[in-house]
Structures are given as structure tokens and as C-alpha cells.
Amino acid sequence: MTAAASSDADLISAHAAGDPYAFSELVKRHRDRMWAVALRTLRDPEEAADALQEAFISAFRAASSFRAESQVTTWLHRIVVNACLDRMRRRQTRPTVPLPEAGPGEPVAPRDAMSERETRLIIQDALAELPEEQRAPIVLVDVEGYSVAETAKLLGIAEGTVKSRCARGRAKLAKVLGHLRNRSADANVPADGVNVQQQRQWEDR
């Protein structure tokens, strides 16, 4: 079985057994999603990159202690989120750096794509305004799709705390994003954002 065809758990086991390529395959497989989590949580590309590097170093060192009590992706998420929270505590009130709307050499986007981009950035800015204790659960539950129980385990807090922090965060987001309700219900935000229909659901929870 090749590394690419191995399961995540197989790669962790192979890495722990001394395979020099197994962990690289695991990083390659999950790097983009972990980067998205770090970026949404920290709102600073440089901070997110540093947190992700720290997280993967921690995962590399801790792989031998992985006991398969959860999925590898959940284990990686926990490490990434913890790395992000550590950096957030260290930087405290340091201002964040806004994300650029377009990368170098990126072609001009059609009108509907620009509208989606605008909506995504509005939501990202709204998330950035939340206190870190509310932003992390919102990102995990409403963006990444984790359950309240899973989020509680990832953040090391009680399920009731996750629910209350999400409720307070959603109430704030509902006020900031209320104008998005006037847009078409069929207009979706790209995968790295939150769709308008989900924002409506926040208000109903």
C-alpha cells in the first residue's frame, strides 16, 4: 500500500514506526484545511502560518502518543486550535492584518464572484470583531461543522460553555450581518466562508 493510499491512522502509525515520508503525506493531505482554520481564527496570515507550523511540529513530536480515540483530523484540529489560542493569548491586543481581496496576478472576477468575495470578506470581518473566546467555537461549530461535543473536547471547555459562547457570538453576528438577509437565499458564500442561509439560522437558534 502506498503512502497516498494509506489511511490517516496508518500514516500516523508508519510515522511512529520510523517511516520518513508518512508524516509529510499527512501534512500534504490536511494542510489546506488546517490553514483555513488557523487563518479564520487568527485573522492574520503571518500569525496563522506561524501557528500552523508550530501545530505541525507539535503533531510530529506527539504522533507516537496518538491512541486513535478520535479521528486524526480531529486530533490535528485540536493541535491547530490550541496553537492559535496560544498565539492569541500572547499577542492579546495586537491589531490584526486584513486579508487581501486578490492575490498577485489573480484575474478579474465576474460580478457574481465579486459579490461572493465581498460577502465572504464581510463575514470574515464580522468574525474578527468577536472576542476570541466566542470566535473559536463559532469557527469550529458553524464554519467547520463540528458538533458541540466535539468542539468542547477540542477547546477543553464544557459543552454548555460552547453553547453559550456560540449563542452570544451568533447574536453579535446577526446584528452585523443582518443586511445580508436581503440578498438572494440561493447566493452561497464559497467554502471558506459562511453562507447567507446559515447566517439566518444563527438568528433562529
N, C-alpha and C. Protein backbone atom coordinates (compact mmCIF):
# COMPACT_ATOMS: atom_id res chain seq x y z
N MET A 1 0.85 -1.20 0.00
CA MET A 1 0.00 0.00 0.00
C MET A 1 0.89 1.24 0.00
N THR A 2 0.64 2.18 -0.91
CA THR A 2 1.43 3.39 -0.98
C THR A 2 0.99 4.35 0.10
N ALA A 3 1.85 5.35 0.38
CA ALA A 3 1.53 6.34 1.40
C ALA A 3 0.25 7.08 1.06
N ALA A 4 0.09 7.42 -0.22
CA ALA A 4 -1.10 8.16 -0.65
C ALA A 4 -2.37 7.36 -0.46
N ALA A 5 -2.27 6.03 -0.52
CA ALA A 5 -3.45 5.18 -0.38
C ALA A 5 -3.71 4.78 1.06
N SER A 6 -2.79 5.10 1.96
CA SER A 6 -2.94 4.73 3.36
C SER A 6 -3.96 5.62 4.05
N SER A 7 -4.58 5.10 5.10
CA SER A 7 -5.48 5.93 5.89
C SER A 7 -4.65 6.86 6.77
N ASP A 8 -5.30 7.87 7.34
CA ASP A 8 -4.60 8.79 8.22
C ASP A 8 -3.98 8.04 9.40
N ALA A 9 -4.76 7.12 9.98
CA ALA A 9 -4.25 6.35 11.12
C ALA A 9 -3.04 5.51 10.72
N ASP A 10 -3.08 4.95 9.50
CA ASP A 10 -1.93 4.16 9.02
C ASP A 10 -0.68 5.04 8.90
N LEU A 11 -0.89 6.27 8.44
CA LEU A 11 0.24 7.19 8.28
C LEU A 11 0.83 7.57 9.64
N ILE A 12 -0.04 7.79 10.62
CA ILE A 12 0.45 8.10 11.97
C ILE A 12 1.28 6.93 12.51
N SER A 13 0.75 5.71 12.33
CA SER A 13 1.46 4.52 12.79
C SER A 13 2.80 4.36 12.08
N ALA A 14 2.78 4.60 10.77
CA ALA A 14 4.01 4.45 9.99
C ALA A 14 5.04 5.49 10.43
N HIS A 15 4.58 6.71 10.68
CA HIS A 15 5.48 7.76 11.15
C HIS A 15 6.10 7.37 12.50
N ALA A 16 5.27 6.90 13.40
CA ALA A 16 5.75 6.49 14.72
C ALA A 16 6.75 5.34 14.63
N ALA A 17 6.60 4.53 13.56
CA ALA A 17 7.49 3.38 13.37
C ALA A 17 8.78 3.76 12.64
N GLY A 18 8.88 5.04 12.24
CA GLY A 18 10.12 5.50 11.63
C GLY A 18 10.06 5.78 10.14
N ASP A 19 8.88 5.68 9.52
CA ASP A 19 8.76 5.99 8.09
C ASP A 19 9.03 7.47 7.88
N PRO A 20 10.04 7.85 7.10
CA PRO A 20 10.40 9.26 6.93
C PRO A 20 9.46 10.05 6.04
N TYR A 21 8.54 9.37 5.36
CA TYR A 21 7.66 10.05 4.42
C TYR A 21 6.21 10.12 4.89
N ALA A 22 5.87 9.34 5.88
CA ALA A 22 4.46 9.23 6.28
C ALA A 22 3.89 10.55 6.78
N PHE A 23 4.62 11.25 7.63
CA PHE A 23 4.08 12.49 8.18
C PHE A 23 3.96 13.57 7.11
N SER A 24 4.88 13.58 6.18
CA SER A 24 4.79 14.55 5.08
C SER A 24 3.52 14.33 4.27
N GLU A 25 3.15 13.09 4.05
CA GLU A 25 1.92 12.77 3.33
C GLU A 25 0.71 13.25 4.14
N LEU A 26 0.76 13.08 5.45
CA LEU A 26 -0.34 13.52 6.30
C LEU A 26 -0.49 15.04 6.23
N VAL A 27 0.62 15.75 6.28
CA VAL A 27 0.59 17.22 6.18
C VAL A 27 0.03 17.64 4.83
N LYS A 28 0.52 17.02 3.78
CA LYS A 28 0.05 17.34 2.43
C LYS A 28 -1.46 17.14 2.31
N ARG A 29 -1.96 16.10 2.96
CA ARG A 29 -3.37 15.74 2.88
C ARG A 29 -4.27 16.76 3.60
N HIS A 30 -3.80 17.33 4.70
CA HIS A 30 -4.67 18.15 5.55
C HIS A 30 -4.21 19.60 5.71
N ARG A 31 -3.14 19.96 5.05
CA ARG A 31 -2.57 21.30 5.25
C ARG A 31 -3.56 22.41 4.90
N ASP A 32 -4.27 22.29 3.78
CA ASP A 32 -5.15 23.38 3.35
C ASP A 32 -6.28 23.63 4.34
N ARG A 33 -6.89 22.55 4.84
CA ARG A 33 -7.99 22.73 5.77
C ARG A 33 -7.49 23.28 7.10
N MET A 34 -6.33 22.80 7.56
CA MET A 34 -5.78 23.31 8.81
C MET A 34 -5.38 24.78 8.67
N TRP A 35 -4.88 25.14 7.51
CA TRP A 35 -4.54 26.55 7.25
C TRP A 35 -5.79 27.41 7.31
N ALA A 36 -6.88 26.94 6.74
CA ALA A 36 -8.13 27.70 6.76
C ALA A 36 -8.61 27.93 8.19
N VAL A 37 -8.51 26.90 9.02
CA VAL A 37 -8.90 27.04 10.42
C VAL A 37 -8.03 28.07 11.13
N ALA A 38 -6.73 28.00 10.93
CA ALA A 38 -5.81 28.93 11.57
C ALA A 38 -6.06 30.36 11.11
N LEU A 39 -6.31 30.53 9.83
CA LEU A 39 -6.50 31.87 9.29
C LEU A 39 -7.81 32.48 9.78
N ARG A 40 -8.87 31.67 9.81
CA ARG A 40 -10.14 32.20 10.31
C ARG A 40 -10.05 32.56 11.79
N THR A 41 -9.28 31.79 12.52
CA THR A 41 -9.20 32.01 13.97
C THR A 41 -8.33 33.22 14.30
N LEU A 42 -7.21 33.37 13.61
CA LEU A 42 -6.25 34.42 13.95
C LEU A 42 -6.42 35.70 13.14
N ARG A 43 -6.97 35.59 11.92
CA ARG A 43 -7.19 36.75 11.07
C ARG A 43 -5.90 37.48 10.70
N ASP A 44 -4.80 36.80 10.73
CA ASP A 44 -3.51 37.38 10.38
C ASP A 44 -2.71 36.30 9.67
N PRO A 45 -2.45 36.46 8.37
CA PRO A 45 -1.76 35.40 7.62
C PRO A 45 -0.42 34.99 8.22
N GLU A 46 0.37 35.96 8.69
CA GLU A 46 1.67 35.61 9.26
C GLU A 46 1.51 34.84 10.57
N GLU A 47 0.59 35.30 11.41
CA GLU A 47 0.33 34.60 12.66
C GLU A 47 -0.21 33.19 12.39
N ALA A 48 -1.11 33.09 11.40
CA ALA A 48 -1.69 31.79 11.06
C ALA A 48 -0.62 30.83 10.55
N ALA A 49 0.28 31.34 9.72
CA ALA A 49 1.36 30.50 9.20
C ALA A 49 2.26 30.01 10.33
N ASP A 50 2.57 30.91 11.25
CA ASP A 50 3.43 30.52 12.38
C ASP A 50 2.72 29.50 13.27
N ALA A 51 1.42 29.74 13.52
CA ALA A 51 0.65 28.81 14.36
C ALA A 51 0.57 27.45 13.70
N LEU A 52 0.37 27.43 12.39
CA LEU A 52 0.27 26.15 11.69
C LEU A 52 1.59 25.39 11.74
N GLN A 53 2.69 26.12 11.56
CA GLN A 53 4.00 25.48 11.65
C GLN A 53 4.22 24.89 13.04
N GLU A 54 3.87 25.67 14.07
CA GLU A 54 4.02 25.17 15.44
C GLU A 54 3.14 23.94 15.67
N ALA A 55 1.93 23.99 15.11
CA ALA A 55 1.00 22.87 15.30
C ALA A 55 1.53 21.60 14.65
N PHE A 56 2.06 21.71 13.44
CA PHE A 56 2.55 20.52 12.77
C PHE A 56 3.82 19.98 13.45
N ILE A 57 4.63 20.87 13.99
CA ILE A 57 5.80 20.41 14.75
C ILE A 57 5.34 19.65 15.99
N SER A 58 4.33 20.20 16.67
CA SER A 58 3.79 19.51 17.85
C SER A 58 3.21 18.16 17.48
N ALA A 59 2.46 18.13 16.35
CA ALA A 59 1.87 16.88 15.90
C ALA A 59 2.95 15.86 15.53
N PHE A 60 4.01 16.34 14.89
CA PHE A 60 5.12 15.46 14.51
C PHE A 60 5.72 14.80 15.76
N ARG A 61 5.90 15.59 16.81
CA ARG A 61 6.52 15.08 18.03
C ARG A 61 5.57 14.20 18.83
N ALA A 62 4.26 14.52 18.74
CA ALA A 62 3.29 13.80 19.58
C ALA A 62 2.64 12.61 18.88
N ALA A 63 3.00 12.37 17.62
CA ALA A 63 2.32 11.33 16.84
C ALA A 63 2.41 9.96 17.49
N SER A 64 3.52 9.69 18.15
CA SER A 64 3.69 8.36 18.75
C SER A 64 2.73 8.13 19.91
N SER A 65 2.18 9.23 20.47
CA SER A 65 1.25 9.09 21.59
C SER A 65 -0.20 9.07 21.14
N PHE A 66 -0.44 9.18 19.82
CA PHE A 66 -1.81 9.15 19.30
C PHE A 66 -2.42 7.77 19.55
N ARG A 67 -3.61 7.75 20.17
CA ARG A 67 -4.21 6.49 20.59
C ARG A 67 -5.46 6.11 19.78
N ALA A 68 -5.73 6.84 18.71
CA ALA A 68 -6.87 6.53 17.84
C ALA A 68 -8.20 6.59 18.58
N GLU A 69 -8.27 7.38 19.66
CA GLU A 69 -9.54 7.55 20.36
C GLU A 69 -10.44 8.54 19.62
N SER A 70 -9.88 9.26 18.68
CA SER A 70 -10.62 10.17 17.82
C SER A 70 -10.02 10.08 16.43
N GLN A 71 -10.66 10.70 15.46
CA GLN A 71 -10.10 10.71 14.11
C GLN A 71 -8.83 11.56 14.09
N VAL A 72 -7.96 11.25 13.16
CA VAL A 72 -6.71 12.01 13.04
C VAL A 72 -7.01 13.47 12.74
N THR A 73 -8.02 13.73 11.92
CA THR A 73 -8.35 15.12 11.60
C THR A 73 -8.79 15.88 12.84
N THR A 74 -9.55 15.22 13.72
CA THR A 74 -9.96 15.87 14.97
C THR A 74 -8.75 16.16 15.84
N TRP A 75 -7.85 15.21 15.91
CA TRP A 75 -6.60 15.38 16.67
C TRP A 75 -5.80 16.55 16.12
N LEU A 76 -5.68 16.64 14.80
CA LEU A 76 -4.95 17.75 14.19
C LEU A 76 -5.64 19.08 14.45
N HIS A 77 -6.99 19.09 14.33
CA HIS A 77 -7.73 20.31 14.60
C HIS A 77 -7.45 20.79 16.02
N ARG A 78 -7.45 19.87 16.97
CA ARG A 78 -7.23 20.25 18.36
C ARG A 78 -5.85 20.91 18.52
N ILE A 79 -4.85 20.34 17.88
CA ILE A 79 -3.50 20.88 17.98
C ILE A 79 -3.42 22.26 17.32
N VAL A 80 -4.05 22.40 16.15
CA VAL A 80 -4.04 23.69 15.45
C VAL A 80 -4.78 24.75 16.25
N VAL A 81 -5.95 24.43 16.74
CA VAL A 81 -6.73 25.39 17.53
C VAL A 81 -5.97 25.80 18.77
N ASN A 82 -5.35 24.85 19.45
CA ASN A 82 -4.58 25.19 20.64
C ASN A 82 -3.39 26.09 20.31
N ALA A 83 -2.74 25.83 19.18
CA ALA A 83 -1.64 26.69 18.76
C ALA A 83 -2.13 28.10 18.46
N CYS A 84 -3.30 28.19 17.84
CA CYS A 84 -3.88 29.51 17.54
C CYS A 84 -4.24 30.25 18.83
N LEU A 85 -4.88 29.55 19.75
CA LEU A 85 -5.27 30.18 21.01
C LEU A 85 -4.05 30.64 21.80
N ASP A 86 -2.98 29.86 21.75
CA ASP A 86 -1.75 30.26 22.43
C ASP A 86 -1.21 31.55 21.84
N ARG A 87 -1.22 31.66 20.52
CA ARG A 87 -0.72 32.88 19.89
C ARG A 87 -1.65 34.05 20.15
N MET A 88 -2.96 33.80 20.21
CA MET A 88 -3.90 34.87 20.51
C MET A 88 -3.69 35.41 21.92
N ARG A 89 -3.40 34.52 22.84
CA ARG A 89 -3.13 34.97 24.21
C ARG A 89 -1.84 35.79 24.27
N ARG A 90 -0.85 35.37 23.48
CA ARG A 90 0.43 36.07 23.51
C ARG A 90 0.34 37.45 22.86
N ARG A 91 -0.38 37.54 21.78
CA ARG A 91 -0.44 38.83 21.08
C ARG A 91 -1.46 39.77 21.71
N GLN A 92 -2.48 39.20 22.37
CA GLN A 92 -3.52 39.95 23.07
C GLN A 92 -4.12 41.04 22.18
N THR A 93 -3.77 42.29 22.42
CA THR A 93 -4.45 43.39 21.72
C THR A 93 -3.73 43.83 20.44
N ARG A 94 -2.74 43.07 20.00
CA ARG A 94 -2.05 43.48 18.78
C ARG A 94 -3.03 43.50 17.62
N PRO A 95 -3.07 44.57 16.80
CA PRO A 95 -4.05 44.65 15.73
C PRO A 95 -3.85 43.58 14.66
N THR A 96 -4.93 43.17 14.05
CA THR A 96 -4.87 42.16 13.00
C THR A 96 -4.61 42.79 11.66
N VAL A 97 -4.17 41.98 10.71
CA VAL A 97 -3.88 42.44 9.36
C VAL A 97 -5.00 41.97 8.45
N PRO A 98 -5.68 42.90 7.74
CA PRO A 98 -6.78 42.47 6.88
C PRO A 98 -6.31 41.61 5.74
N LEU A 99 -7.14 40.65 5.35
CA LEU A 99 -6.82 39.77 4.23
C LEU A 99 -6.95 40.54 2.91
N PRO A 100 -6.04 40.33 1.98
CA PRO A 100 -6.17 40.99 0.68
C PRO A 100 -7.33 40.41 -0.10
N GLU A 101 -7.95 41.25 -0.93
CA GLU A 101 -9.07 40.78 -1.72
C GLU A 101 -8.61 39.94 -2.90
N ALA A 102 -7.40 40.18 -3.38
CA ALA A 102 -6.94 39.43 -4.55
C ALA A 102 -5.44 39.21 -4.42
N GLY A 103 -5.00 38.07 -4.90
CA GLY A 103 -3.58 37.77 -4.88
C GLY A 103 -2.90 38.33 -6.11
N PRO A 104 -1.58 38.35 -6.14
CA PRO A 104 -0.84 38.85 -7.30
C PRO A 104 -1.18 38.07 -8.56
N GLY A 105 -1.48 38.79 -9.61
CA GLY A 105 -1.76 38.14 -10.88
C GLY A 105 -3.10 37.45 -10.96
N GLU A 106 -3.96 37.65 -9.96
CA GLU A 106 -5.26 36.99 -9.98
C GLU A 106 -6.15 37.66 -11.02
N PRO A 107 -6.81 36.90 -11.91
CA PRO A 107 -7.66 37.51 -12.93
C PRO A 107 -8.85 38.21 -12.33
N VAL A 108 -9.37 39.16 -13.08
CA VAL A 108 -10.55 39.89 -12.65
C VAL A 108 -11.72 38.93 -12.53
N ALA A 109 -12.42 38.96 -11.42
CA ALA A 109 -13.51 38.02 -11.19
C ALA A 109 -14.80 38.56 -11.78
N PRO A 110 -15.69 37.67 -12.26
CA PRO A 110 -17.00 38.12 -12.74
C PRO A 110 -17.78 38.78 -11.61
N ARG A 111 -18.87 39.48 -11.96
CA ARG A 111 -19.65 40.23 -10.99
C ARG A 111 -20.14 39.34 -9.86
N ASP A 112 -20.70 38.13 -10.19
CA ASP A 112 -21.24 37.29 -9.13
C ASP A 112 -20.13 36.78 -8.22
N ALA A 113 -18.96 36.51 -8.79
CA ALA A 113 -17.83 36.07 -7.97
C ALA A 113 -17.36 37.20 -7.06
N MET A 114 -17.39 38.43 -7.58
CA MET A 114 -17.00 39.56 -6.76
C MET A 114 -17.99 39.76 -5.62
N SER A 115 -19.26 39.52 -5.89
CA SER A 115 -20.28 39.64 -4.84
C SER A 115 -20.05 38.60 -3.76
N GLU A 116 -19.71 37.37 -4.18
CA GLU A 116 -19.42 36.32 -3.22
C GLU A 116 -18.20 36.68 -2.39
N ARG A 117 -17.18 37.22 -3.05
CA ARG A 117 -15.97 37.61 -2.35
C ARG A 117 -16.27 38.71 -1.33
N GLU A 118 -17.09 39.67 -1.74
CA GLU A 118 -17.46 40.76 -0.83
C GLU A 118 -18.19 40.21 0.39
N THR A 119 -19.14 39.29 0.14
CA THR A 119 -19.88 38.70 1.26
C THR A 119 -18.95 37.94 2.18
N ARG A 120 -18.04 37.18 1.60
CA ARG A 120 -17.10 36.41 2.40
C ARG A 120 -16.25 37.31 3.28
N LEU A 121 -15.76 38.42 2.72
CA LEU A 121 -14.92 39.33 3.49
C LEU A 121 -15.71 40.04 4.58
N ILE A 122 -16.98 40.34 4.29
CA ILE A 122 -17.83 40.95 5.32
C ILE A 122 -17.97 40.00 6.51
N ILE A 123 -18.19 38.72 6.20
CA ILE A 123 -18.35 37.73 7.26
C ILE A 123 -17.03 37.53 8.00
N GLN A 124 -15.91 37.50 7.28
CA GLN A 124 -14.62 37.35 7.93
C GLN A 124 -14.35 38.52 8.87
N ASP A 125 -14.70 39.74 8.41
CA ASP A 125 -14.51 40.91 9.26
C ASP A 125 -15.40 40.84 10.49
N ALA A 126 -16.63 40.34 10.31
CA ALA A 126 -17.54 40.21 11.44
C ALA A 126 -17.00 39.20 12.45
N LEU A 127 -16.47 38.09 11.96
CA LEU A 127 -15.86 37.10 12.85
C LEU A 127 -14.68 37.70 13.60
N ALA A 128 -13.92 38.55 12.92
CA ALA A 128 -12.74 39.15 13.54
C ALA A 128 -13.11 40.07 14.70
N GLU A 129 -14.34 40.61 14.67
CA GLU A 129 -14.77 41.51 15.73
C GLU A 129 -15.20 40.77 16.99
N LEU A 130 -15.42 39.47 16.87
CA LEU A 130 -15.84 38.70 18.05
C LEU A 130 -14.67 38.53 19.01
N PRO A 131 -14.95 38.48 20.31
CA PRO A 131 -13.89 38.13 21.26
C PRO A 131 -13.37 36.73 20.94
N GLU A 132 -12.11 36.47 21.23
CA GLU A 132 -11.51 35.19 20.86
C GLU A 132 -12.24 34.00 21.47
N GLU A 133 -12.81 34.18 22.68
CA GLU A 133 -13.49 33.07 23.32
C GLU A 133 -14.78 32.70 22.60
N GLN A 134 -15.35 33.65 21.84
CA GLN A 134 -16.55 33.36 21.05
C GLN A 134 -16.19 32.96 19.63
N ARG A 135 -15.12 33.54 19.10
CA ARG A 135 -14.76 33.28 17.70
C ARG A 135 -14.37 31.82 17.48
N ALA A 136 -13.55 31.26 18.39
CA ALA A 136 -13.09 29.88 18.20
C ALA A 136 -14.24 28.88 18.15
N PRO A 137 -15.22 28.92 19.09
CA PRO A 137 -16.34 27.98 18.98
C PRO A 137 -17.19 28.21 17.74
N ILE A 138 -17.38 29.49 17.35
CA ILE A 138 -18.17 29.78 16.15
C ILE A 138 -17.50 29.19 14.91
N VAL A 139 -16.19 29.35 14.82
CA VAL A 139 -15.46 28.81 13.67
C VAL A 139 -15.60 27.29 13.62
N LEU A 140 -15.44 26.64 14.76
CA LEU A 140 -15.49 25.18 14.79
C LEU A 140 -16.89 24.64 14.54
N VAL A 141 -17.90 25.24 15.16
CA VAL A 141 -19.27 24.71 15.05
C VAL A 141 -19.93 25.15 13.75
N ASP A 142 -19.91 26.44 13.45
CA ASP A 142 -20.70 26.96 12.34
C ASP A 142 -19.95 27.00 11.01
N VAL A 143 -18.63 27.00 11.05
CA VAL A 143 -17.86 27.02 9.81
C VAL A 143 -17.31 25.64 9.49
N GLU A 144 -16.66 25.01 10.48
CA GLU A 144 -16.06 23.71 10.25
C GLU A 144 -17.03 22.55 10.40
N GLY A 145 -18.19 22.79 11.05
CA GLY A 145 -19.21 21.75 11.13
C GLY A 145 -19.04 20.77 12.27
N TYR A 146 -18.21 21.08 13.26
CA TYR A 146 -18.07 20.19 14.40
C TYR A 146 -19.28 20.29 15.31
N SER A 147 -19.59 19.20 15.99
CA SER A 147 -20.69 19.21 16.95
C SER A 147 -20.26 19.97 18.19
N VAL A 148 -21.24 20.31 19.03
CA VAL A 148 -20.94 20.99 20.28
C VAL A 148 -20.02 20.13 21.14
N ALA A 149 -20.31 18.83 21.19
CA ALA A 149 -19.49 17.92 22.00
C ALA A 149 -18.05 17.87 21.49
N GLU A 150 -17.89 17.78 20.18
CA GLU A 150 -16.55 17.73 19.60
C GLU A 150 -15.80 19.03 19.85
N THR A 151 -16.51 20.15 19.72
CA THR A 151 -15.90 21.45 19.95
C THR A 151 -15.46 21.61 21.40
N ALA A 152 -16.30 21.12 22.31
CA ALA A 152 -15.95 21.18 23.72
C ALA A 152 -14.65 20.43 23.99
N LYS A 153 -14.49 19.27 23.36
CA LYS A 153 -13.27 18.49 23.53
C LYS A 153 -12.06 19.20 22.92
N LEU A 154 -12.27 19.80 21.73
CA LEU A 154 -11.18 20.49 21.06
C LEU A 154 -10.68 21.67 21.88
N LEU A 155 -11.61 22.41 22.48
CA LEU A 155 -11.25 23.62 23.21
C LEU A 155 -11.01 23.37 24.70
N GLY A 156 -11.35 22.18 25.16
CA GLY A 156 -11.14 21.87 26.56
C GLY A 156 -12.08 22.62 27.50
N ILE A 157 -13.31 22.84 27.06
CA ILE A 157 -14.31 23.53 27.87
C ILE A 157 -15.59 22.69 27.90
N ALA A 158 -16.52 23.07 28.76
CA ALA A 158 -17.77 22.33 28.89
C ALA A 158 -18.68 22.58 27.68
N GLU A 159 -19.55 21.61 27.39
CA GLU A 159 -20.48 21.77 26.27
C GLU A 159 -21.39 22.97 26.48
N GLY A 160 -21.83 23.18 27.72
CA GLY A 160 -22.68 24.34 28.00
C GLY A 160 -21.97 25.65 27.71
N THR A 161 -20.67 25.68 27.95
CA THR A 161 -19.88 26.88 27.66
C THR A 161 -19.80 27.11 26.16
N VAL A 162 -19.63 26.03 25.40
CA VAL A 162 -19.63 26.16 23.93
C VAL A 162 -20.95 26.74 23.46
N LYS A 163 -22.06 26.21 23.97
CA LYS A 163 -23.38 26.68 23.55
C LYS A 163 -23.59 28.15 23.89
N SER A 164 -23.21 28.55 25.09
CA SER A 164 -23.43 29.94 25.50
C SER A 164 -22.55 30.90 24.71
N ARG A 165 -21.29 30.49 24.46
CA ARG A 165 -20.40 31.36 23.70
C ARG A 165 -20.85 31.47 22.24
N CYS A 166 -21.32 30.36 21.68
CA CYS A 166 -21.84 30.40 20.32
C CYS A 166 -23.08 31.28 20.26
N ALA A 167 -23.95 31.17 21.25
CA ALA A 167 -25.18 31.96 21.26
C ALA A 167 -24.86 33.45 21.31
N ARG A 168 -23.92 33.83 22.17
CA ARG A 168 -23.56 35.25 22.26
C ARG A 168 -22.90 35.71 20.97
N GLY A 169 -22.02 34.86 20.40
CA GLY A 169 -21.36 35.23 19.15
C GLY A 169 -22.34 35.36 18.01
N ARG A 170 -23.30 34.43 17.92
CA ARG A 170 -24.30 34.49 16.85
C ARG A 170 -25.17 35.73 16.97
N ALA A 171 -25.50 36.11 18.20
CA ALA A 171 -26.32 37.31 18.39
C ALA A 171 -25.59 38.54 17.87
N LYS A 172 -24.28 38.61 18.12
CA LYS A 172 -23.50 39.74 17.62
C LYS A 172 -23.39 39.70 16.10
N LEU A 173 -23.16 38.50 15.56
CA LEU A 173 -23.05 38.37 14.11
C LEU A 173 -24.37 38.71 13.43
N ALA A 174 -25.48 38.33 14.05
CA ALA A 174 -26.80 38.60 13.46
C ALA A 174 -27.02 40.10 13.29
N LYS A 175 -26.55 40.88 14.26
CA LYS A 175 -26.71 42.34 14.16
C LYS A 175 -25.84 42.91 13.05
N VAL A 176 -24.60 42.42 12.98
CA VAL A 176 -23.66 42.94 11.99
C VAL A 176 -24.01 42.50 10.58
N LEU A 177 -24.52 41.26 10.46
CA LEU A 177 -24.76 40.67 9.14
C LEU A 177 -26.23 40.70 8.74
N GLY A 178 -27.05 41.42 9.48
CA GLY A 178 -28.49 41.43 9.19
C GLY A 178 -28.82 41.87 7.78
N HIS A 179 -28.01 42.78 7.22
CA HIS A 179 -28.31 43.28 5.87
C HIS A 179 -28.15 42.20 4.80
N LEU A 180 -27.43 41.13 5.12
CA LEU A 180 -27.24 40.06 4.14
C LEU A 180 -28.53 39.30 3.88
N ARG A 181 -29.50 39.43 4.77
CA ARG A 181 -30.77 38.73 4.59
C ARG A 181 -31.50 39.23 3.35
N ASN A 182 -31.17 40.41 2.89
CA ASN A 182 -31.84 40.97 1.72
C ASN A 182 -31.32 40.39 0.42
N ARG A 183 -30.23 39.64 0.52
CA ARG A 183 -29.68 39.03 -0.69
C ARG A 183 -30.40 37.73 -0.99
N SER A 184 -30.19 37.24 -2.19
CA SER A 184 -30.87 36.02 -2.61
C SER A 184 -30.55 34.87 -1.68
N ALA A 185 -31.57 34.09 -1.35
CA ALA A 185 -31.37 32.93 -0.47
C ALA A 185 -30.52 31.87 -1.14
N ASP A 186 -30.42 31.93 -2.47
CA ASP A 186 -29.64 30.94 -3.19
C ASP A 186 -28.17 31.33 -3.34
N ALA A 187 -27.82 32.56 -2.88
CA ALA A 187 -26.45 33.02 -3.03
C ALA A 187 -25.61 32.44 -1.91
N ASN A 188 -24.63 31.64 -2.28
CA ASN A 188 -23.79 30.97 -1.29
C ASN A 188 -22.42 31.61 -1.24
N VAL A 189 -21.87 31.63 -0.06
CA VAL A 189 -20.50 32.05 0.12
C VAL A 189 -19.61 30.87 -0.20
N PRO A 190 -18.42 31.10 -0.78
CA PRO A 190 -17.52 29.98 -1.08
C PRO A 190 -17.20 29.17 0.16
N ALA A 191 -16.53 28.03 -0.06
CA ALA A 191 -16.32 27.05 1.01
C ALA A 191 -15.60 27.62 2.21
N ASP A 192 -14.78 28.68 2.03
CA ASP A 192 -14.05 29.19 3.18
C ASP A 192 -14.80 30.31 3.87
N GLY A 193 -16.11 30.42 3.62
CA GLY A 193 -16.92 31.39 4.32
C GLY A 193 -18.14 30.73 4.90
N VAL A 194 -19.17 31.53 5.23
CA VAL A 194 -20.41 31.01 5.77
C VAL A 194 -21.53 31.49 4.87
N ASN A 195 -22.45 30.60 4.46
CA ASN A 195 -23.47 31.03 3.53
C ASN A 195 -24.56 31.84 4.22
N VAL A 196 -25.29 32.60 3.42
CA VAL A 196 -26.28 33.52 3.95
C VAL A 196 -27.40 32.77 4.65
N GLN A 197 -27.78 31.62 4.12
CA GLN A 197 -28.83 30.84 4.76
C GLN A 197 -28.39 30.42 6.16
N GLN A 198 -27.12 30.06 6.33
CA GLN A 198 -26.64 29.68 7.65
C GLN A 198 -26.68 30.87 8.59
N GLN A 199 -26.40 32.08 8.06
CA GLN A 199 -26.46 33.26 8.92
C GLN A 199 -27.87 33.47 9.43
N ARG A 200 -28.90 33.17 8.60
CA ARG A 200 -30.27 33.27 9.05
C ARG A 200 -30.54 32.28 10.18
N GLN A 201 -29.96 31.09 10.02
CA GLN A 201 -30.18 30.06 11.03
C GLN A 201 -29.58 30.46 12.36
N TRP A 202 -28.47 31.22 12.32
CA TRP A 202 -27.87 31.69 13.57
C TRP A 202 -28.89 32.48 14.37
N GLU A 203 -29.67 33.33 13.66
CA GLU A 203 -30.59 34.20 14.34
C GLU A 203 -31.75 33.42 14.97
N ASP A 204 -32.05 32.26 14.40
CA ASP A 204 -33.17 31.46 14.89
C ASP A 204 -32.79 30.53 16.03
N ARG A 205 -31.46 30.37 16.29
CA ARG A 205 -31.04 29.41 17.31
C ARG A 205 -31.18 30.02 18.71
